[in-house]
């Protein structure tokens, strides 16, 4: 999934339609991975009847697979948008919408998830929740920037709307990573933290 995120970033920033097509093709592979994980989880439940931490791991893996597949969907949509527009986005507008920072925040979130799983430690996951709040602030700034851009460039309003749709997909990707963090906490700590109880999982 990290590779898909990186390629989606390159697709957007370099306006690379060939790479966009590659991202869209890779989505089918991600779908097949999800199906395999779900089947493996079902087989483990049926054959081994896991308990305690093992059961939590299977349950968490089942949900995490779906969350990551949704991230793949969003990367595909971003690439599809790029393939449909005629020219690259205005560089100044990208900066005002904090697009570079959004990708950096998503990358930090993904790294924190990997750290938590590799170390069996939930501490890195605080980064995920903090960055998710930052993504929300980026979205609000993007609304203002794109609205102003469309007002001043009505002939290019379609491109502005595409960019807003892309930013929304990126924010939703952050939501899915936050859901993954919740599942990791459930697996490691056998509990649902305050953040988890307050918010239901986002699809």
N, C-alpha and C. Protein backbone atom coordinates (compact mmCIF):
# COMPACT_ATOMS: atom_id res chain seq x y z
N UNK A 1 0.83 -1.20 0.00
CA UNK A 1 0.00 0.00 0.00
C UNK A 1 0.87 1.26 0.00
N UNK A 2 1.99 1.18 0.68
CA UNK A 2 2.90 2.33 0.71
C UNK A 2 3.36 2.68 -0.70
N UNK A 3 3.61 1.67 -1.52
CA UNK A 3 4.03 1.92 -2.90
C UNK A 3 2.93 2.61 -3.70
N UNK A 4 1.68 2.21 -3.48
CA UNK A 4 0.57 2.85 -4.17
C UNK A 4 0.45 4.32 -3.79
N UNK A 5 0.64 4.60 -2.50
CA UNK A 5 0.58 5.99 -2.03
C UNK A 5 1.67 6.82 -2.70
N UNK A 6 2.87 6.26 -2.75
CA UNK A 6 3.99 6.99 -3.36
C UNK A 6 3.72 7.23 -4.86
N UNK A 7 3.21 6.21 -5.53
CA UNK A 7 2.94 6.36 -6.97
C UNK A 7 1.81 7.36 -7.23
N UNK A 8 0.81 7.36 -6.36
CA UNK A 8 -0.27 8.34 -6.50
C UNK A 8 0.28 9.75 -6.35
N UNK A 9 1.21 9.92 -5.42
CA UNK A 9 1.85 11.21 -5.21
C UNK A 9 2.61 11.64 -6.46
N UNK A 10 3.41 10.73 -7.01
CA UNK A 10 4.18 11.03 -8.20
C UNK A 10 3.27 11.32 -9.39
N UNK A 11 2.18 10.59 -9.46
CA UNK A 11 1.21 10.81 -10.54
C UNK A 11 0.66 12.22 -10.49
N UNK A 12 0.34 12.68 -9.30
CA UNK A 12 -0.24 14.01 -9.13
C UNK A 12 0.79 15.11 -9.35
N UNK A 13 1.93 14.99 -8.70
CA UNK A 13 2.90 16.08 -8.74
C UNK A 13 3.62 16.19 -10.09
N UNK A 14 3.79 15.05 -10.76
CA UNK A 14 4.48 15.07 -12.05
C UNK A 14 3.51 15.00 -13.23
N UNK A 15 2.22 14.87 -12.92
CA UNK A 15 1.19 14.75 -13.95
C UNK A 15 1.58 13.64 -14.95
N UNK A 16 1.88 12.48 -14.38
CA UNK A 16 2.36 11.33 -15.16
C UNK A 16 1.19 10.39 -15.42
N UNK A 17 0.61 10.44 -16.61
CA UNK A 17 -0.56 9.62 -16.92
C UNK A 17 -0.21 8.15 -17.10
N UNK A 18 1.02 7.85 -17.51
CA UNK A 18 1.45 6.45 -17.60
C UNK A 18 1.50 5.82 -16.21
N UNK A 19 2.02 6.57 -15.25
CA UNK A 19 2.07 6.08 -13.88
C UNK A 19 0.66 5.96 -13.30
N UNK A 20 -0.21 6.87 -13.70
CA UNK A 20 -1.60 6.80 -13.25
C UNK A 20 -2.24 5.48 -13.70
N UNK A 21 -1.96 5.10 -14.92
CA UNK A 21 -2.49 3.84 -15.44
C UNK A 21 -1.94 2.65 -14.65
N UNK A 22 -0.65 2.73 -14.28
CA UNK A 22 -0.04 1.66 -13.49
C UNK A 22 -0.71 1.53 -12.13
N UNK A 23 -1.01 2.65 -11.49
CA UNK A 23 -1.70 2.62 -10.20
C UNK A 23 -3.06 1.96 -10.33
N UNK A 24 -3.78 2.28 -11.39
CA UNK A 24 -5.10 1.70 -11.60
C UNK A 24 -5.01 0.19 -11.81
N UNK A 25 -3.99 -0.26 -12.53
CA UNK A 25 -3.81 -1.70 -12.74
C UNK A 25 -3.46 -2.40 -11.43
N UNK A 26 -2.63 -1.76 -10.60
CA UNK A 26 -2.20 -2.37 -9.34
C UNK A 26 -3.35 -2.56 -8.37
N UNK A 27 -4.42 -1.79 -8.54
CA UNK A 27 -5.56 -1.91 -7.64
C UNK A 27 -6.15 -3.32 -7.67
N UNK A 28 -6.14 -3.95 -8.83
CA UNK A 28 -6.65 -5.32 -8.93
C UNK A 28 -5.82 -6.27 -8.08
N UNK A 29 -4.51 -6.03 -8.01
CA UNK A 29 -3.65 -6.87 -7.18
C UNK A 29 -3.97 -6.67 -5.70
N UNK A 30 -4.23 -5.43 -5.31
CA UNK A 30 -4.58 -5.16 -3.91
C UNK A 30 -5.90 -5.84 -3.55
N UNK A 31 -6.85 -5.81 -4.48
CA UNK A 31 -8.11 -6.50 -4.24
C UNK A 31 -7.90 -7.98 -4.01
N UNK A 32 -7.02 -8.58 -4.79
CA UNK A 32 -6.76 -10.02 -4.64
C UNK A 32 -6.07 -10.32 -3.31
N UNK A 33 -5.19 -9.40 -2.87
CA UNK A 33 -4.55 -9.58 -1.56
C UNK A 33 -5.59 -9.57 -0.44
N UNK A 34 -6.53 -8.63 -0.54
CA UNK A 34 -7.57 -8.56 0.49
C UNK A 34 -8.36 -9.85 0.54
N UNK A 35 -8.75 -10.36 -0.60
CA UNK A 35 -9.53 -11.60 -0.65
C UNK A 35 -8.75 -12.75 -0.02
N UNK A 36 -7.46 -12.83 -0.33
CA UNK A 36 -6.64 -13.90 0.24
C UNK A 36 -6.55 -13.78 1.76
N UNK A 37 -6.35 -12.56 2.26
CA UNK A 37 -6.25 -12.37 3.71
C UNK A 37 -7.56 -12.76 4.39
N UNK A 38 -8.67 -12.35 3.82
CA UNK A 38 -9.96 -12.69 4.41
C UNK A 38 -10.19 -14.19 4.43
N UNK A 39 -9.81 -14.87 3.36
CA UNK A 39 -9.97 -16.33 3.33
C UNK A 39 -9.05 -17.00 4.33
N UNK A 40 -7.83 -16.49 4.47
CA UNK A 40 -6.90 -17.04 5.45
C UNK A 40 -7.44 -16.86 6.87
N UNK A 41 -8.01 -15.70 7.14
CA UNK A 41 -8.59 -15.45 8.47
C UNK A 41 -9.74 -16.42 8.75
N UNK A 42 -10.58 -16.63 7.76
CA UNK A 42 -11.69 -17.56 7.92
C UNK A 42 -11.19 -18.98 8.17
N UNK A 43 -10.15 -19.37 7.45
CA UNK A 43 -9.59 -20.71 7.62
C UNK A 43 -8.99 -20.89 9.01
N UNK A 44 -8.29 -19.88 9.49
CA UNK A 44 -7.69 -19.95 10.83
C UNK A 44 -8.77 -20.08 11.89
N UNK A 45 -9.84 -19.30 11.75
CA UNK A 45 -10.94 -19.38 12.71
C UNK A 45 -11.58 -20.76 12.70
N UNK A 46 -11.77 -21.32 11.52
CA UNK A 46 -12.44 -22.61 11.40
C UNK A 46 -11.58 -23.78 11.85
N UNK A 47 -10.31 -23.74 11.53
CA UNK A 47 -9.43 -24.88 11.77
C UNK A 47 -8.75 -24.87 13.13
N UNK A 48 -8.39 -23.68 13.62
CA UNK A 48 -7.57 -23.61 14.82
C UNK A 48 -8.30 -23.03 16.03
N UNK A 49 -9.43 -22.41 15.81
CA UNK A 49 -10.21 -21.81 16.90
C UNK A 49 -9.31 -21.02 17.87
N UNK A 50 -8.67 -19.99 17.39
CA UNK A 50 -7.74 -19.22 18.23
C UNK A 50 -8.47 -18.50 19.36
N UNK A 51 -7.73 -18.21 20.41
CA UNK A 51 -8.28 -17.51 21.57
C UNK A 51 -7.33 -16.39 21.98
N UNK A 52 -7.84 -15.51 22.84
CA UNK A 52 -7.05 -14.43 23.42
C UNK A 52 -6.35 -13.60 22.33
N UNK A 53 -5.03 -13.40 22.48
CA UNK A 53 -4.29 -12.52 21.57
C UNK A 53 -4.35 -13.02 20.13
N UNK A 54 -4.33 -14.33 19.95
CA UNK A 54 -4.38 -14.88 18.59
C UNK A 54 -5.71 -14.55 17.93
N UNK A 55 -6.79 -14.63 18.69
CA UNK A 55 -8.11 -14.31 18.13
C UNK A 55 -8.19 -12.82 17.80
N UNK A 56 -7.64 -11.99 18.68
CA UNK A 56 -7.66 -10.56 18.40
C UNK A 56 -6.86 -10.23 17.14
N UNK A 57 -5.75 -10.93 16.94
CA UNK A 57 -4.94 -10.69 15.75
C UNK A 57 -5.71 -11.04 14.48
N UNK A 58 -6.42 -12.16 14.52
CA UNK A 58 -7.21 -12.56 13.35
C UNK A 58 -8.31 -11.54 13.08
N UNK A 59 -9.00 -11.13 14.16
CA UNK A 59 -10.08 -10.16 14.00
C UNK A 59 -9.56 -8.83 13.47
N UNK A 60 -8.43 -8.39 14.02
CA UNK A 60 -7.85 -7.13 13.57
C UNK A 60 -7.39 -7.22 12.13
N UNK A 61 -6.78 -8.34 11.77
CA UNK A 61 -6.29 -8.52 10.40
C UNK A 61 -7.43 -8.49 9.40
N UNK A 62 -8.56 -9.08 9.80
CA UNK A 62 -9.75 -9.10 8.94
C UNK A 62 -10.19 -7.68 8.60
N UNK A 63 -10.22 -6.82 9.61
CA UNK A 63 -10.68 -5.45 9.39
C UNK A 63 -9.61 -4.60 8.71
N UNK A 64 -8.35 -4.80 9.11
CA UNK A 64 -7.27 -4.01 8.53
C UNK A 64 -7.17 -4.24 7.03
N UNK A 65 -7.38 -5.48 6.61
CA UNK A 65 -7.34 -5.79 5.17
C UNK A 65 -8.33 -4.93 4.41
N UNK A 66 -9.52 -4.77 4.97
CA UNK A 66 -10.53 -3.93 4.32
C UNK A 66 -10.14 -2.47 4.31
N UNK A 67 -9.56 -1.99 5.41
CA UNK A 67 -9.12 -0.59 5.48
C UNK A 67 -8.05 -0.29 4.44
N UNK A 68 -7.08 -1.19 4.31
CA UNK A 68 -6.01 -0.96 3.35
C UNK A 68 -6.51 -1.06 1.91
N UNK A 69 -7.48 -1.94 1.70
CA UNK A 69 -8.05 -2.04 0.35
C UNK A 69 -8.75 -0.75 -0.03
N UNK A 70 -9.40 -0.11 0.96
CA UNK A 70 -10.05 1.18 0.70
C UNK A 70 -9.01 2.25 0.37
N UNK A 71 -7.87 2.21 1.04
CA UNK A 71 -6.79 3.14 0.70
C UNK A 71 -6.37 2.95 -0.75
N UNK A 72 -6.30 1.69 -1.16
CA UNK A 72 -5.98 1.41 -2.55
C UNK A 72 -7.01 1.97 -3.50
N UNK A 73 -8.28 1.88 -3.10
CA UNK A 73 -9.35 2.46 -3.93
C UNK A 73 -9.15 3.96 -4.11
N UNK A 74 -8.80 4.64 -3.02
CA UNK A 74 -8.62 6.09 -3.09
C UNK A 74 -7.42 6.45 -3.98
N UNK A 75 -6.34 5.67 -3.88
CA UNK A 75 -5.19 5.90 -4.75
C UNK A 75 -5.57 5.72 -6.21
N UNK A 76 -6.40 4.72 -6.47
CA UNK A 76 -6.86 4.49 -7.83
C UNK A 76 -7.69 5.66 -8.34
N UNK A 77 -8.60 6.18 -7.49
CA UNK A 77 -9.44 7.29 -7.90
C UNK A 77 -8.61 8.53 -8.20
N UNK A 78 -7.60 8.78 -7.38
CA UNK A 78 -6.72 9.92 -7.63
C UNK A 78 -6.07 9.80 -8.99
N UNK A 79 -5.56 8.61 -9.29
CA UNK A 79 -4.92 8.39 -10.58
C UNK A 79 -5.92 8.49 -11.72
N UNK A 80 -7.13 8.04 -11.49
CA UNK A 80 -8.16 8.14 -12.52
C UNK A 80 -8.48 9.60 -12.83
N UNK A 81 -8.55 10.43 -11.77
CA UNK A 81 -8.79 11.86 -11.99
C UNK A 81 -7.69 12.46 -12.85
N UNK A 82 -6.42 12.09 -12.54
CA UNK A 82 -5.29 12.62 -13.31
C UNK A 82 -5.41 12.22 -14.78
N UNK A 83 -5.86 11.00 -15.01
CA UNK A 83 -5.95 10.52 -16.39
C UNK A 83 -7.04 11.25 -17.17
N UNK A 84 -7.98 11.90 -16.46
CA UNK A 84 -9.12 12.52 -17.13
C UNK A 84 -8.92 14.00 -17.42
N UNK A 85 -8.03 14.67 -16.69
CA UNK A 85 -7.87 16.10 -16.92
C UNK A 85 -6.84 16.36 -18.01
N UNK A 86 -6.90 17.54 -18.60
CA UNK A 86 -6.11 17.84 -19.79
C UNK A 86 -4.73 18.42 -19.47
N UNK A 87 -4.58 19.06 -18.33
CA UNK A 87 -3.29 19.66 -18.01
C UNK A 87 -3.03 19.57 -16.51
N UNK A 88 -1.78 19.77 -16.13
CA UNK A 88 -1.40 19.65 -14.72
C UNK A 88 -1.99 20.78 -13.90
N UNK A 89 -2.00 20.57 -12.59
CA UNK A 89 -2.55 21.57 -11.68
C UNK A 89 -1.58 22.74 -11.52
N UNK A 90 -2.14 23.89 -11.23
CA UNK A 90 -1.34 25.09 -10.97
C UNK A 90 -0.46 24.86 -9.75
N UNK A 91 0.85 25.09 -9.90
CA UNK A 91 1.78 24.84 -8.81
C UNK A 91 1.50 25.65 -7.57
N UNK A 92 1.12 26.91 -7.77
CA UNK A 92 0.80 27.77 -6.63
C UNK A 92 -0.42 27.25 -5.89
N UNK A 93 -1.41 26.77 -6.64
CA UNK A 93 -2.62 26.23 -6.01
C UNK A 93 -2.30 24.98 -5.20
N UNK A 94 -1.45 24.12 -5.74
CA UNK A 94 -1.05 22.92 -5.00
C UNK A 94 -0.40 23.29 -3.67
N UNK A 95 0.44 24.32 -3.70
CA UNK A 95 1.11 24.76 -2.47
C UNK A 95 0.10 25.33 -1.48
N UNK A 96 -0.84 26.14 -1.97
CA UNK A 96 -1.83 26.74 -1.08
C UNK A 96 -2.75 25.69 -0.48
N UNK A 97 -2.97 24.60 -1.19
CA UNK A 97 -3.81 23.51 -0.69
C UNK A 97 -3.05 22.53 0.19
N UNK A 98 -1.75 22.80 0.39
CA UNK A 98 -0.89 21.97 1.25
C UNK A 98 -0.80 20.52 0.75
N UNK A 99 -0.84 20.34 -0.56
CA UNK A 99 -0.82 18.98 -1.11
C UNK A 99 0.46 18.24 -0.73
N UNK A 100 1.60 18.92 -0.79
CA UNK A 100 2.87 18.29 -0.42
C UNK A 100 2.84 17.83 1.04
N UNK A 101 2.34 18.71 1.91
CA UNK A 101 2.26 18.37 3.33
C UNK A 101 1.29 17.22 3.58
N UNK A 102 0.20 17.17 2.84
CA UNK A 102 -0.77 16.09 3.00
C UNK A 102 -0.12 14.74 2.72
N UNK A 103 0.63 14.65 1.63
CA UNK A 103 1.30 13.39 1.32
C UNK A 103 2.34 13.05 2.38
N UNK A 104 3.05 14.04 2.88
CA UNK A 104 4.03 13.79 3.94
C UNK A 104 3.35 13.27 5.21
N UNK A 105 2.20 13.84 5.54
CA UNK A 105 1.47 13.40 6.72
C UNK A 105 0.97 11.97 6.55
N UNK A 106 0.46 11.65 5.37
CA UNK A 106 0.00 10.28 5.11
C UNK A 106 1.16 9.29 5.18
N UNK A 107 2.30 9.69 4.67
CA UNK A 107 3.48 8.84 4.73
C UNK A 107 3.90 8.59 6.18
N UNK A 108 3.83 9.63 7.01
CA UNK A 108 4.17 9.49 8.43
C UNK A 108 3.18 8.57 9.13
N UNK A 109 1.92 8.66 8.75
CA UNK A 109 0.90 7.78 9.33
C UNK A 109 1.16 6.33 8.97
N UNK A 110 1.48 6.08 7.71
CA UNK A 110 1.76 4.72 7.27
C UNK A 110 2.98 4.16 7.98
N UNK A 111 4.02 4.98 8.13
CA UNK A 111 5.23 4.53 8.82
C UNK A 111 4.94 4.20 10.28
N UNK A 112 4.10 5.01 10.93
CA UNK A 112 3.75 4.77 12.33
C UNK A 112 2.99 3.45 12.48
N UNK A 113 2.12 3.15 11.55
CA UNK A 113 1.39 1.88 11.58
C UNK A 113 2.35 0.71 11.47
N UNK A 114 3.30 0.81 10.57
CA UNK A 114 4.28 -0.25 10.40
C UNK A 114 5.14 -0.41 11.65
N UNK A 115 5.54 0.71 12.25
CA UNK A 115 6.33 0.67 13.48
C UNK A 115 5.58 -0.05 14.59
N UNK A 116 4.31 0.29 14.75
CA UNK A 116 3.50 -0.31 15.82
C UNK A 116 3.39 -1.81 15.66
N UNK A 117 3.16 -2.28 14.43
CA UNK A 117 3.03 -3.71 14.20
C UNK A 117 4.37 -4.42 14.35
N UNK A 118 5.43 -3.81 13.87
CA UNK A 118 6.75 -4.45 13.95
C UNK A 118 7.24 -4.57 15.38
N UNK A 119 6.90 -3.57 16.21
CA UNK A 119 7.43 -3.53 17.58
C UNK A 119 6.42 -4.01 18.63
N UNK A 120 5.18 -4.33 18.20
CA UNK A 120 4.12 -4.67 19.16
C UNK A 120 3.98 -3.59 20.22
N UNK A 121 4.02 -2.34 19.78
CA UNK A 121 3.95 -1.19 20.68
C UNK A 121 2.99 -0.17 20.08
N UNK A 122 2.00 0.22 20.87
CA UNK A 122 0.99 1.15 20.35
C UNK A 122 1.43 2.62 20.41
N UNK A 123 2.56 2.91 21.06
CA UNK A 123 3.00 4.30 21.22
C UNK A 123 3.11 5.06 19.89
N UNK A 124 3.67 4.47 18.81
CA UNK A 124 3.78 5.21 17.56
C UNK A 124 2.43 5.62 16.97
N UNK A 125 1.37 4.99 17.42
CA UNK A 125 0.06 5.26 16.83
C UNK A 125 -0.48 6.64 17.19
N UNK A 126 0.09 7.27 18.21
CA UNK A 126 -0.34 8.64 18.53
C UNK A 126 -0.09 9.56 17.35
N UNK A 127 0.95 9.26 16.59
CA UNK A 127 1.23 10.04 15.38
C UNK A 127 0.07 9.97 14.41
N UNK A 128 -0.53 8.80 14.28
CA UNK A 128 -1.64 8.60 13.35
C UNK A 128 -2.82 9.49 13.72
N UNK A 129 -3.19 9.51 14.99
CA UNK A 129 -4.35 10.30 15.42
C UNK A 129 -4.07 11.80 15.29
N UNK A 130 -2.84 12.21 15.61
CA UNK A 130 -2.49 13.63 15.50
C UNK A 130 -2.48 14.08 14.04
N UNK A 131 -1.89 13.28 13.18
CA UNK A 131 -1.82 13.63 11.77
C UNK A 131 -3.21 13.65 11.13
N UNK A 132 -4.10 12.80 11.61
CA UNK A 132 -5.45 12.79 11.06
C UNK A 132 -6.14 14.13 11.32
N UNK A 133 -5.91 14.70 12.49
CA UNK A 133 -6.48 16.02 12.79
C UNK A 133 -5.86 17.09 11.89
N UNK A 134 -4.58 16.96 11.61
CA UNK A 134 -3.90 17.92 10.73
C UNK A 134 -4.49 17.85 9.32
N UNK A 135 -4.80 16.64 8.87
CA UNK A 135 -5.39 16.48 7.54
C UNK A 135 -6.72 17.22 7.43
N UNK A 136 -7.48 17.19 8.50
CA UNK A 136 -8.75 17.93 8.51
C UNK A 136 -8.53 19.43 8.34
N UNK A 137 -7.49 19.95 8.97
CA UNK A 137 -7.19 21.38 8.83
C UNK A 137 -6.71 21.71 7.42
N UNK A 138 -5.93 20.79 6.84
CA UNK A 138 -5.49 20.99 5.46
C UNK A 138 -6.69 21.07 4.51
N UNK A 139 -7.68 20.23 4.75
CA UNK A 139 -8.87 20.22 3.89
C UNK A 139 -9.58 21.56 3.94
N UNK A 140 -9.71 22.11 5.12
CA UNK A 140 -10.39 23.41 5.26
C UNK A 140 -9.64 24.50 4.51
N UNK A 141 -8.31 24.49 4.59
CA UNK A 141 -7.52 25.47 3.86
C UNK A 141 -7.66 25.27 2.36
N UNK A 142 -7.76 24.01 1.95
CA UNK A 142 -7.91 23.72 0.52
C UNK A 142 -9.24 24.24 -0.01
N UNK A 143 -10.29 24.14 0.78
CA UNK A 143 -11.59 24.66 0.35
C UNK A 143 -11.49 26.14 0.03
N UNK A 144 -10.85 26.89 0.92
CA UNK A 144 -10.70 28.33 0.71
C UNK A 144 -9.85 28.62 -0.53
N UNK A 145 -8.73 27.90 -0.66
CA UNK A 145 -7.81 28.15 -1.77
C UNK A 145 -8.45 27.81 -3.11
N UNK A 146 -9.15 26.70 -3.18
CA UNK A 146 -9.77 26.29 -4.44
C UNK A 146 -10.95 27.20 -4.80
N UNK A 147 -11.70 27.62 -3.80
CA UNK A 147 -12.81 28.53 -4.05
C UNK A 147 -12.30 29.84 -4.65
N UNK A 148 -11.21 30.35 -4.08
CA UNK A 148 -10.62 31.58 -4.60
C UNK A 148 -10.07 31.38 -6.00
N UNK A 149 -9.46 30.23 -6.23
CA UNK A 149 -8.90 29.94 -7.55
C UNK A 149 -9.99 29.89 -8.62
N UNK A 150 -11.10 29.21 -8.31
CA UNK A 150 -12.19 29.10 -9.28
C UNK A 150 -12.82 30.46 -9.54
N UNK A 151 -12.92 31.28 -8.49
CA UNK A 151 -13.48 32.62 -8.67
C UNK A 151 -12.62 33.45 -9.62
N UNK A 152 -11.31 33.31 -9.51
CA UNK A 152 -10.39 34.08 -10.34
C UNK A 152 -10.10 33.42 -11.70
N UNK A 153 -10.39 32.13 -11.80
CA UNK A 153 -10.13 31.39 -13.04
C UNK A 153 -11.33 30.53 -13.41
N UNK A 154 -12.46 31.15 -13.69
CA UNK A 154 -13.68 30.38 -13.96
C UNK A 154 -13.53 29.42 -15.14
N UNK A 155 -12.66 29.73 -16.08
CA UNK A 155 -12.45 28.85 -17.22
C UNK A 155 -11.77 27.55 -16.83
N UNK A 156 -11.19 27.53 -15.64
CA UNK A 156 -10.47 26.35 -15.16
C UNK A 156 -11.14 25.74 -13.93
N UNK A 157 -12.42 25.97 -13.80
CA UNK A 157 -13.14 25.51 -12.61
C UNK A 157 -13.16 23.98 -12.52
N UNK A 158 -13.21 23.31 -13.66
CA UNK A 158 -13.24 21.84 -13.66
C UNK A 158 -11.98 21.27 -13.01
N UNK A 159 -10.85 21.85 -13.36
CA UNK A 159 -9.58 21.39 -12.77
C UNK A 159 -9.57 21.62 -11.26
N UNK A 160 -10.10 22.76 -10.83
CA UNK A 160 -10.17 23.04 -9.40
C UNK A 160 -11.03 22.03 -8.66
N UNK A 161 -12.15 21.66 -9.27
CA UNK A 161 -13.03 20.68 -8.64
C UNK A 161 -12.37 19.30 -8.58
N UNK A 162 -11.61 18.95 -9.62
CA UNK A 162 -10.88 17.69 -9.59
C UNK A 162 -9.88 17.69 -8.44
N UNK A 163 -9.18 18.79 -8.25
CA UNK A 163 -8.20 18.87 -7.17
C UNK A 163 -8.88 18.72 -5.81
N UNK A 164 -10.03 19.36 -5.65
CA UNK A 164 -10.74 19.22 -4.37
C UNK A 164 -11.14 17.76 -4.14
N UNK A 165 -11.59 17.07 -5.20
CA UNK A 165 -11.96 15.66 -5.06
C UNK A 165 -10.76 14.83 -4.66
N UNK A 166 -9.59 15.15 -5.21
CA UNK A 166 -8.37 14.43 -4.85
C UNK A 166 -8.03 14.64 -3.38
N UNK A 167 -8.13 15.87 -2.92
CA UNK A 167 -7.82 16.16 -1.52
C UNK A 167 -8.79 15.43 -0.59
N UNK A 168 -10.04 15.35 -0.99
CA UNK A 168 -11.02 14.61 -0.19
C UNK A 168 -10.65 13.13 -0.12
N UNK A 169 -10.19 12.56 -1.24
CA UNK A 169 -9.78 11.15 -1.24
C UNK A 169 -8.58 10.95 -0.32
N UNK A 170 -7.65 11.90 -0.34
CA UNK A 170 -6.49 11.79 0.53
C UNK A 170 -6.89 11.85 2.00
N UNK A 171 -7.84 12.72 2.32
CA UNK A 171 -8.30 12.79 3.71
C UNK A 171 -8.98 11.49 4.12
N UNK A 172 -9.75 10.92 3.20
CA UNK A 172 -10.41 9.64 3.50
C UNK A 172 -9.37 8.52 3.68
N UNK A 173 -8.27 8.62 2.95
CA UNK A 173 -7.20 7.66 3.15
C UNK A 173 -6.66 7.76 4.58
N UNK A 174 -6.55 8.98 5.07
CA UNK A 174 -6.13 9.17 6.46
C UNK A 174 -7.12 8.57 7.43
N UNK A 175 -8.41 8.67 7.13
CA UNK A 175 -9.44 8.05 7.97
C UNK A 175 -9.24 6.55 8.05
N UNK A 176 -8.93 5.94 6.92
CA UNK A 176 -8.72 4.49 6.91
C UNK A 176 -7.49 4.10 7.72
N UNK A 177 -6.45 4.91 7.65
CA UNK A 177 -5.25 4.62 8.46
C UNK A 177 -5.56 4.76 9.94
N UNK A 178 -6.42 5.71 10.28
CA UNK A 178 -6.82 5.84 11.68
C UNK A 178 -7.59 4.60 12.12
N UNK A 179 -8.42 4.07 11.24
CA UNK A 179 -9.13 2.83 11.57
C UNK A 179 -8.16 1.68 11.80
N UNK A 180 -7.11 1.62 10.97
CA UNK A 180 -6.09 0.58 11.17
C UNK A 180 -5.43 0.74 12.54
N UNK A 181 -5.15 1.97 12.92
CA UNK A 181 -4.53 2.21 14.22
C UNK A 181 -5.42 1.70 15.35
N UNK A 182 -6.71 1.91 15.23
CA UNK A 182 -7.64 1.43 16.25
C UNK A 182 -7.60 -0.10 16.36
N UNK A 183 -7.52 -0.75 15.21
CA UNK A 183 -7.49 -2.22 15.22
C UNK A 183 -6.19 -2.73 15.84
N UNK A 184 -5.10 -2.04 15.59
CA UNK A 184 -3.82 -2.45 16.18
C UNK A 184 -3.87 -2.28 17.69
N UNK A 185 -4.46 -1.19 18.15
CA UNK A 185 -4.62 -0.98 19.60
C UNK A 185 -5.46 -2.09 20.21
N UNK A 186 -6.54 -2.46 19.53
CA UNK A 186 -7.39 -3.55 20.01
C UNK A 186 -6.59 -4.84 20.12
N UNK A 187 -5.79 -5.13 19.11
CA UNK A 187 -4.98 -6.34 19.13
C UNK A 187 -3.94 -6.32 20.24
N UNK A 188 -3.24 -5.20 20.42
CA UNK A 188 -2.13 -5.13 21.36
C UNK A 188 -2.59 -4.98 22.80
N UNK A 189 -3.67 -4.23 23.01
CA UNK A 189 -4.06 -3.88 24.37
C UNK A 189 -5.37 -4.53 24.81
N UNK A 190 -6.00 -5.25 23.93
CA UNK A 190 -7.26 -5.94 24.24
C UNK A 190 -8.32 -4.98 24.74
N UNK A 191 -8.31 -3.79 24.20
CA UNK A 191 -9.29 -2.80 24.63
C UNK A 191 -9.53 -1.82 23.50
N UNK A 192 -10.61 -1.08 23.60
CA UNK A 192 -10.90 -0.02 22.67
C UNK A 192 -10.62 1.30 23.38
N UNK A 193 -9.69 2.09 22.87
CA UNK A 193 -9.34 3.33 23.57
C UNK A 193 -10.42 4.38 23.40
N UNK A 194 -10.24 5.52 24.03
CA UNK A 194 -11.24 6.59 24.00
C UNK A 194 -11.54 7.03 22.58
N UNK A 195 -10.49 7.13 21.76
CA UNK A 195 -10.67 7.54 20.37
C UNK A 195 -11.55 6.55 19.63
N UNK A 196 -11.38 5.26 19.93
CA UNK A 196 -12.15 4.23 19.26
C UNK A 196 -13.61 4.27 19.67
N UNK A 197 -13.86 4.47 20.96
CA UNK A 197 -15.25 4.49 21.42
C UNK A 197 -15.99 5.70 20.89
N UNK A 198 -15.28 6.79 20.73
CA UNK A 198 -15.92 8.05 20.31
C UNK A 198 -16.32 8.01 18.85
N UNK A 199 -15.55 7.30 18.03
CA UNK A 199 -15.80 7.30 16.59
C UNK A 199 -15.98 5.90 16.08
N UNK A 200 -16.94 5.69 15.23
CA UNK A 200 -17.11 4.41 14.58
C UNK A 200 -16.17 4.34 13.39
N UNK A 201 -15.90 3.15 12.91
CA UNK A 201 -15.00 2.97 11.79
C UNK A 201 -15.56 3.64 10.54
N UNK A 202 -14.67 4.24 9.76
CA UNK A 202 -15.08 4.95 8.56
C UNK A 202 -14.88 4.06 7.35
N UNK A 203 -15.88 3.95 6.51
CA UNK A 203 -15.77 3.20 5.27
C UNK A 203 -15.73 4.16 4.11
